[in-house]
Each structure stands twice: as structure tokens, then as C-alpha cells.
Protein backbone atom coordinates (compact mmCIF):
# COMPACT_ATOMS: atom_id res chain seq x y z
CA MET A 1 -52.74 65.50 -14.14
CA ARG A 2 -50.29 68.28 -14.93
CA GLY A 3 -49.94 72.07 -14.86
CA PHE A 4 -52.47 74.30 -13.12
CA GLU A 5 -54.91 71.48 -12.37
CA ARG A 6 -52.25 69.49 -10.55
CA ARG A 7 -51.22 72.48 -8.44
CA LEU A 8 -54.84 73.30 -7.60
CA VAL A 9 -55.69 69.74 -6.53
CA ALA A 10 -52.45 69.34 -4.57
CA ASP A 11 -53.09 72.59 -2.69
CA HIS A 12 -56.58 71.55 -1.62
CA ALA A 13 -55.36 68.05 -0.70
CA MET A 14 -52.59 69.45 1.50
CA ARG A 15 -55.14 71.53 3.39
CA GLY A 16 -57.32 68.50 3.98
CA GLN A 17 -60.12 69.83 1.78
CA LEU A 18 -59.95 67.08 -0.80
CA ARG A 19 -59.21 63.36 -0.82
CA TYR A 20 -56.94 62.80 -3.78
CA HIS A 21 -55.74 59.52 -5.30
CA GLU A 22 -53.47 59.43 -8.33
CA LEU A 23 -53.14 56.58 -10.83
CA ILE A 24 -49.95 55.71 -12.66
CA VAL A 25 -51.52 56.57 -16.00
CA ARG A 26 -50.72 60.05 -17.30
CA SER A 27 -52.14 62.23 -20.04
CA LEU A 28 -50.81 61.48 -23.48
CA ARG A 29 -47.83 63.45 -24.71
CA SER A 30 -47.62 65.23 -28.01
CA ALA A 31 -47.29 63.24 -31.21
CA GLY A 32 -43.91 61.83 -32.15
CA LEU A 33 -41.74 58.95 -31.06
CA SER A 34 -40.18 59.16 -27.61
CA VAL A 35 -39.70 57.07 -24.51
CA HIS A 36 -43.33 57.79 -23.66
CA THR A 37 -44.44 55.92 -26.79
CA VAL A 38 -43.52 52.78 -24.81
CA LEU A 39 -44.20 54.04 -21.29
CA ASP A 40 -47.73 55.37 -21.84
CA PRO A 41 -49.28 51.99 -22.79
CA ALA A 42 -47.38 50.37 -19.91
CA ARG A 43 -48.71 52.97 -17.47
CA LEU A 44 -52.23 52.44 -18.79
CA ALA A 45 -52.00 48.67 -18.30
CA ALA A 46 -50.55 49.05 -14.78
CA SER A 47 -53.31 51.49 -13.83
CA VAL A 48 -56.11 48.98 -14.34
CA PRO A 49 -55.21 46.75 -11.34
CA GLN A 50 -54.35 49.90 -9.38
CA ALA A 51 -57.83 51.30 -10.09
CA TRP A 52 -59.39 47.91 -9.23
CA TRP A 53 -57.64 47.92 -5.84
CA LEU A 54 -58.57 51.57 -5.19
CA LEU A 55 -62.26 51.00 -5.93
CA GLY A 56 -62.20 47.96 -3.66
CA ARG A 57 -60.83 50.08 -0.83
CA LEU A 58 -63.11 53.10 -1.35
CA ARG A 59 -66.24 51.09 -2.26
CA PRO A 60 -68.02 53.88 -4.19
CA ALA A 61 -71.72 53.50 -4.88
CA ALA A 62 -71.23 54.95 -8.37
CA LEU A 63 -68.53 56.45 -10.56
CA PHE A 64 -68.80 59.66 -12.60
CA THR A 65 -66.25 60.60 -15.27
CA THR A 66 -65.93 63.02 -18.16
CA GLY A 67 -64.25 60.34 -20.24
CA GLY A 68 -60.99 60.54 -22.12
CA TYR A 69 -57.84 58.44 -22.00
CA LEU A 70 -57.26 58.91 -18.26
CA ALA A 71 -60.67 57.46 -17.39
CA LEU A 72 -60.08 54.11 -19.12
CA PRO A 73 -58.60 52.25 -16.11
CA LEU A 74 -61.29 53.44 -13.70
CA VAL A 75 -64.19 52.52 -15.97
CA PHE A 76 -62.68 49.09 -16.73
CA ALA A 77 -62.13 48.49 -13.01
CA ALA A 78 -65.62 49.70 -12.13
CA ARG A 79 -67.11 47.31 -14.67
CA ALA A 80 -65.15 44.44 -13.09
CA ARG A 81 -66.24 45.47 -9.60
CA GLY A 82 -69.90 45.92 -10.56
CA VAL A 83 -69.80 49.66 -9.79
CA PRO A 84 -72.28 51.58 -11.99
CA THR A 85 -70.68 54.32 -14.09
CA LEU A 86 -71.96 57.51 -15.64
CA VAL A 87 -69.81 59.01 -18.39
CA TRP A 88 -70.42 62.57 -19.60
CA GLU A 89 -69.30 63.63 -23.09
CA GLY A 90 -69.38 67.39 -23.69
CA ASN A 91 -68.51 67.57 -27.38
CA VAL A 92 -70.54 66.71 -30.46
CA GLN A 93 -67.72 64.47 -31.71
CA PRO A 94 -66.38 62.24 -28.91
CA GLY A 95 -62.77 61.12 -28.87
CA ARG A 96 -61.73 57.51 -29.44
CA ALA A 97 -61.04 56.85 -25.77
CA THR A 98 -64.49 58.05 -24.71
CA ARG A 99 -66.10 55.97 -27.45
CA ALA A 100 -64.32 52.94 -26.03
CA ILE A 101 -65.32 53.81 -22.48
CA GLY A 102 -68.94 54.20 -23.54
CA ARG A 103 -69.13 50.50 -24.36
CA PHE A 104 -68.30 49.62 -20.74
CA ALA A 105 -70.24 52.39 -18.97
CA THR A 106 -73.67 51.93 -17.44
CA ARG A 107 -74.95 55.20 -18.91
CA VAL A 108 -73.48 57.91 -21.14
CA ALA A 109 -74.76 61.47 -20.92
CA VAL A 110 -74.11 63.76 -23.89
CA SER A 111 -74.44 67.47 -24.46
CA PHE A 112 -75.72 67.41 -28.02
CA PRO A 113 -78.35 65.18 -29.66
CA PRO A 114 -76.12 64.15 -32.62
CA THR A 115 -73.69 62.54 -30.15
CA LEU A 116 -76.24 59.87 -29.26
CA GLU A 117 -75.25 58.01 -32.43
CA ALA A 118 -71.78 57.36 -30.98
CA PHE A 119 -73.24 55.56 -27.93
CA PRO A 120 -76.23 53.54 -29.14
CA GLY A 121 -78.40 51.95 -26.51
CA ASN A 122 -77.09 53.49 -23.31
CA SER A 123 -76.95 57.26 -23.86
CA PHE A 124 -79.19 60.26 -23.24
CA VAL A 125 -79.02 64.03 -23.69
CA SER A 126 -78.21 65.92 -20.51
CA GLY A 127 -76.67 69.12 -21.80
CA THR A 128 -73.55 70.74 -20.35
CA PRO A 129 -73.37 71.91 -16.72
CA ILE A 130 -73.07 75.70 -16.82
CA ARG A 131 -73.44 78.77 -14.65
CA SER A 132 -77.00 79.84 -13.85
CA PHE A 133 -78.75 82.62 -15.77
CA GLU A 134 -81.86 82.52 -13.60
CA GLY A 135 -82.92 85.83 -12.11
CA ILE A 136 -80.71 87.97 -14.38
CA ASP A 137 -82.73 90.83 -15.83
CA ARG A 138 -81.53 91.85 -19.29
CA GLY A 139 -82.31 95.52 -18.74
CA ALA A 140 -80.43 95.61 -15.45
CA ALA A 141 -77.51 93.70 -16.96
CA ARG A 142 -77.27 96.14 -19.85
CA HIS A 143 -77.42 99.10 -17.48
CA SER A 144 -74.54 97.63 -15.45
CA PHE A 145 -72.35 97.79 -18.57
CA GLY A 146 -73.28 101.42 -19.28
CA LEU A 147 -75.41 100.71 -22.35
CA ASP A 148 -77.96 103.09 -23.76
CA PRO A 149 -81.28 101.59 -24.92
CA GLY A 150 -80.30 101.79 -28.59
CA ASP A 151 -76.81 100.28 -28.19
CA ARG A 152 -75.93 96.93 -29.68
CA LEU A 153 -73.53 95.09 -27.39
CA LEU A 154 -70.83 92.92 -28.97
CA VAL A 155 -69.07 90.63 -26.48
CA VAL A 156 -65.76 89.10 -27.60
CA PHE A 157 -63.95 86.45 -25.60
CA GLY A 158 -61.67 83.55 -26.40
CA GLY A 159 -61.80 81.50 -23.25
CA SER A 160 -58.44 80.21 -22.09
CA GLN A 161 -57.19 79.09 -25.49
CA ALA A 162 -55.09 81.13 -27.92
CA VAL A 163 -56.79 84.51 -27.80
CA ALA A 164 -53.93 86.37 -29.51
CA ARG A 165 -55.44 86.08 -33.01
CA MET A 166 -58.85 87.12 -31.74
CA ASN A 167 -57.38 90.09 -29.86
CA ALA A 168 -55.47 91.23 -32.95
CA ALA A 169 -58.62 91.09 -35.08
CA VAL A 170 -60.60 93.13 -32.55
CA VAL A 171 -57.87 95.76 -32.18
CA GLY A 172 -57.49 96.07 -35.95
CA ALA A 173 -61.23 96.39 -36.52
CA LEU A 174 -61.92 98.59 -33.50
CA PRO A 175 -62.25 102.01 -35.18
CA GLN A 176 -65.21 100.71 -37.24
CA LEU A 177 -66.49 98.19 -34.68
CA ALA A 178 -66.95 100.95 -32.12
CA VAL A 179 -69.10 102.89 -34.58
CA ASP A 180 -71.50 99.99 -35.04
CA TRP A 181 -71.30 98.29 -31.64
CA HIS A 182 -70.63 98.89 -27.99
CA VAL A 183 -67.73 96.41 -27.63
CA LEU A 184 -66.99 94.44 -24.46
CA HIS A 185 -63.69 92.68 -25.08
CA VAL A 186 -62.32 90.02 -22.72
CA ALA A 187 -58.70 90.27 -23.77
CA GLY A 188 -56.87 88.23 -21.11
CA GLU A 189 -53.98 89.65 -19.14
CA ASP A 190 -51.58 89.46 -22.10
CA GLY A 191 -53.93 91.40 -24.35
CA MET A 192 -54.64 94.34 -22.06
CA ALA A 193 -51.71 96.52 -23.14
CA ASP A 194 -52.70 96.40 -26.83
CA ALA A 195 -56.36 96.85 -25.95
CA GLY A 196 -55.57 99.90 -23.83
CA ALA A 197 -53.51 101.45 -26.61
CA ALA A 198 -56.27 100.79 -29.13
CA ARG A 199 -58.82 102.44 -26.86
CA GLN A 200 -56.65 105.53 -26.46
CA ALA A 201 -56.30 105.78 -30.25
CA LEU A 202 -60.09 105.99 -30.72
CA PRO A 203 -61.75 109.37 -31.21
CA ASP A 204 -63.08 110.85 -27.96
CA ALA A 205 -66.68 110.20 -29.03
CA LEU A 206 -66.03 106.46 -29.47
CA ARG A 207 -63.74 105.73 -26.55
CA SER A 208 -66.57 105.02 -24.12
CA ARG A 209 -67.97 102.43 -26.55
CA TYR A 210 -65.02 100.07 -26.01
CA THR A 211 -64.33 98.28 -22.75
CA ALA A 212 -61.51 95.78 -22.36
CA GLU A 213 -61.23 93.46 -19.37
CA PRO A 214 -58.64 90.76 -18.64
CA PHE A 215 -61.40 88.48 -17.29
CA LEU A 216 -65.08 88.81 -16.40
CA THR A 217 -65.44 85.86 -13.99
CA ASP A 218 -68.54 86.69 -11.91
CA ARG A 219 -69.90 89.12 -14.53
CA MET A 220 -69.83 86.75 -17.50
CA ALA A 221 -73.42 85.66 -17.00
CA ASP A 222 -74.57 89.29 -17.00
CA ALA A 223 -72.49 89.96 -20.12
CA LEU A 224 -74.08 87.10 -22.05
CA VAL A 225 -77.60 88.11 -21.05
CA ALA A 226 -76.86 91.72 -22.01
CA ALA A 227 -75.20 90.83 -25.33
CA ASP A 228 -76.73 91.27 -28.77
CA LEU A 229 -73.94 89.24 -30.38
CA VAL A 230 -71.01 87.17 -29.11
CA VAL A 231 -67.74 86.30 -30.82
CA GLY A 232 -66.08 83.36 -29.10
CA ARG A 233 -64.61 79.87 -29.27
CA ALA A 234 -66.78 76.77 -29.59
CA GLY A 235 -66.06 74.76 -26.50
CA SER A 236 -68.90 72.74 -25.02
CA SER A 237 -69.46 75.15 -22.13
CA THR A 238 -69.41 78.22 -24.37
CA CYS A 239 -71.94 76.70 -26.77
CA ALA A 240 -74.18 75.61 -23.89
CA GLU A 241 -74.10 79.05 -22.27
CA LEU A 242 -74.84 80.84 -25.53
CA ALA A 243 -77.86 78.60 -25.99
CA ALA A 244 -79.07 79.02 -22.41
CA ALA A 245 -78.72 82.80 -22.67
CA GLY A 246 -80.38 82.84 -26.09
CA VAL A 247 -77.70 84.95 -27.76
CA PRO A 248 -76.55 84.72 -31.40
CA SER A 249 -72.88 84.12 -32.00
CA ILE A 250 -69.95 84.06 -34.37
CA LEU A 251 -68.00 80.96 -33.37
CA VAL A 252 -64.28 80.63 -34.05
CA PRO A 253 -63.36 76.99 -33.31
CA TYR A 254 -60.01 76.48 -31.61
CA PRO A 255 -58.03 74.59 -34.28
CA TYR A 256 -55.44 72.77 -32.17
CA ALA A 257 -57.50 70.26 -30.18
CA GLY A 258 -58.66 67.86 -32.85
CA ALA A 259 -61.91 68.78 -34.55
CA HIS A 260 -64.06 68.92 -31.41
CA GLN A 261 -64.84 72.62 -31.51
CA ARG A 262 -65.49 72.58 -35.23
CA TYR A 263 -68.20 69.95 -34.77
CA ASN A 264 -69.67 71.89 -31.83
CA ALA A 265 -69.83 75.05 -33.89
CA ARG A 266 -71.31 73.25 -36.88
CA TYR A 267 -74.20 71.97 -34.76
CA LEU A 268 -75.18 75.50 -33.70
CA VAL A 269 -74.70 76.75 -37.27
CA ASP A 270 -76.90 73.99 -38.71
CA GLU A 271 -79.60 74.85 -36.17
CA GLY A 272 -79.52 78.51 -37.19
CA ALA A 273 -78.07 79.82 -33.92
CA ALA A 274 -74.55 80.79 -35.01
CA VAL A 275 -72.15 81.67 -37.80
CA GLU A 276 -68.83 79.83 -38.07
CA LEU A 277 -65.60 81.69 -38.77
CA PRO A 278 -62.45 79.51 -39.17
CA ASP A 279 -59.55 80.57 -36.99
CA ASP A 280 -57.17 81.05 -39.93
CA GLU A 281 -59.68 83.42 -41.55
CA LEU A 282 -60.10 85.60 -38.48
CA THR A 283 -58.78 88.98 -39.56
CA ALA A 284 -59.93 92.50 -38.80
CA ALA A 285 -61.54 92.77 -42.24
CA ARG A 286 -63.37 89.46 -41.91
CA LEU A 287 -64.53 90.30 -38.38
CA LEU A 288 -65.98 93.56 -39.66
CA ALA A 289 -67.73 91.76 -42.52
CA GLU A 290 -69.30 89.12 -40.26
CA THR A 291 -70.39 91.52 -37.52
CA GLY A 292 -71.63 93.96 -40.16
CA ALA A 293 -73.89 91.30 -41.63
CA LEU A 294 -75.37 90.78 -38.16
CA LEU A 295 -76.31 94.41 -37.63
CA ASP A 296 -79.66 93.22 -39.02
CA ASP A 297 -81.88 93.08 -35.93
CA ASP A 298 -84.32 90.62 -37.49
CA ARG A 299 -81.55 88.17 -38.38
CA ARG A 300 -80.09 88.32 -34.90
CA ARG A 301 -83.53 87.88 -33.37
CA ALA A 302 -84.07 84.70 -35.39
CA MET A 303 -80.66 83.37 -34.37
CA ALA A 304 -81.36 84.18 -30.72
CA GLY A 305 -84.61 82.21 -30.88
CA ALA A 306 -82.82 79.25 -32.46
CA ALA A 307 -80.15 79.36 -29.74
CA ARG A 308 -82.74 79.48 -26.98
CA ARG A 309 -84.50 76.40 -28.37
CA LEU A 310 -81.24 74.47 -27.99
CA GLY A 311 -80.67 75.54 -24.40
CA LEU A 312 -80.52 72.95 -21.61
CA PRO A 313 -79.86 75.12 -18.55
CA HIS A 314 -80.55 72.40 -15.96
CA ALA A 315 -77.88 69.92 -17.10
CA ALA A 316 -76.11 69.85 -13.73
CA ARG A 317 -79.33 68.76 -11.99
CA VAL A 318 -80.04 66.16 -14.68
CA LEU A 319 -76.59 64.63 -14.23
CA ALA A 320 -76.84 64.72 -10.42
CA ASP A 321 -80.23 63.00 -10.45
CA GLU A 322 -78.95 60.29 -12.80
CA LEU A 323 -75.86 59.69 -10.69
CA VAL A 324 -77.84 59.45 -7.43
CA ALA A 325 -80.25 56.99 -9.04
CA LEU A 326 -77.32 54.85 -10.22
CA ALA A 327 -75.82 54.90 -6.75
CA GLU A 328 -79.10 53.96 -5.08
CA GLY A 329 -80.06 51.34 -7.64
CA GLY A 330 -83.38 53.04 -8.36
CA PRO A 331 -85.14 53.84 -11.64
CA LEU A 332 -82.98 56.02 -13.87
CA PRO A 333 -84.54 59.40 -14.78
CA SER A 334 -83.05 59.18 -18.27
CA THR A 335 -84.91 55.95 -19.02
CA LEU A 336 -88.16 57.15 -17.50
CA SER A 337 -88.18 60.26 -19.70
CA SER A 338 -87.09 58.55 -22.92
């Protein structure tokens, strides 16, 4: 564990709010030969007996993991100890490490139906745990963002990954975008200066139709419910929330993390819920063309219906019920419903 996650966990552990145990294994470094080319396999091998000893001391009733390279020692050790394991895979296309783990896990939960093929015999569809949209009234949500009844709300956000290109496209297209849409742009802290300048450059009549925020945090659920169209990345959580909220989208897969987001986006596109726009084609002109094509209310309505049919808003409960059943040795909900 490195970076922000390490600092966050260490802070909670120091305050006694979290029991934290760290294995020798570390996340893989970038490609290329280095000392870690030798050290990483050695750390992985050394972590297996370490994980075996740790599970023997903690005696968990069950193990839950989101897979990946770092989970290999724990799942191997759990298999040796007879501890049942539940692995959750959030992407349509699982990585090689998670595919390997799936062969040793008791059950594998996946977010998307096509992923079942990667884990034959012991997998089920759970969906992705997301924030709740229950109780959010669309009319009230739209009113909270200052929308008039006839406004079409375009929400643009890039998550935490490489929003600079997305921000540049929005700023470049803004004079026309603000004519066609009320634009809510989550620009990140680094994008706020350019967004503010772009807003000031708009004619007075259009300025109120563009709102830029560094983050939405607690208001994101309201924004998605209020939205008529979303432009965003194609991470598992984003795709799951778009489906749960029943909102059509233009998905711009993040290109630097394998092909995971491209496969996620393609699933929603194939189901009629989204349009895919490659990151290297995201320009102001292309953004205007794609959003312009979706000014058609009937087309967006059909896409919204397709998204809603894919939604699995209770994934967190499904995973919790499965994990408790594994821990207690009772009938597994996933097998009873299959």
C-alpha cells in the first residue's frame, strides 16, 4: 500500500480506530527492468507463509478481497487454512492475478454478467457497491442545482484520473455547450482556475448556465439523479451509479490502466445505455458533436431506460449477505437464487 491510501490507513491505525497488518508483498512497479523485477516475486513468495501465520493468529471466519496481485498470498493461505473466501471483481475484464485467485476462492462475485465466463462454476453477479439513490426526488434535485423545468442538465466529471483532457474539452466547447445545456462541471482543484476564466468569458445571459465545482462529494447522488446526460470515465463504480440512477452517458475510458475501462464502457454501449468516446479523440469539437447528437429527448430516454435495466443498486447488501453466509457455514444466497 502506497500514497494516500497508506497515509489514511496509518492515521486511523495510530488512533486505534483500525487494526492494520501489512504483508511483505507490495504493489507492482511500472514496467521495465529494475531491482524490483527480482524483489517483487521474492516478496510475493515470502508473503504466503506470512499470510498463513497471520490467518492462524486472527482466525477469521471468512475472507473478503477485491482481488489483484496483492491478494494472492492471503487467498492462497486461506485456502490452505480452510478459510472460505469471497473475491469481488468490479471490472468486465478481470486482471490475470484475479483470474488466478478465482480458481482458489470459494466464491467470486462480479459486477457485470459477461465476467462470469472468466470464473466458471463459482461466480455470481452481485453488482458494484455504490452510494444510495433511494429517496432522492428528481424534481427536488434539479431545483437544488437551479434548473428550470425546460433545462437539460449535462454533468461532466472525470473521477480522480487524468481530468485535464476532459477539462480542456469542456472549456473549449463551453460557449456552445452552454447554449444547449445547463452544464455542471466537476473540474477538480487544478481545473478551477481555467473553469472560472471560461465562465467569465461567457455572455451574461449564459454565465448562469455553467457551474464548476472542484468536487461534489455529498451532492454527487443528487447530480446524477438530476442529470439528463453525463460525460465521465468508465470505472466500475461510475458505470454502476449511472445504471442505478438511470442516466444516459458518454463514457471516456481512462486509457492508462490496461483495458479495464474500455471493456466496462463497451458493455454499457452494447446494452444501449451509453456512447463511447476514446480519450485521444476527446476534443471540444468532438464533445460538441456527441452531446449535440444527444439533444434528442427520445434517444436519451431510450438510453436511460437501458441503463436502468442494468442497475443493481443493492450490491453492497448482496455481498454482505454472501460473506455472512460463508462465515456461518450456511446456505449461500448466490446459490439459492441461481
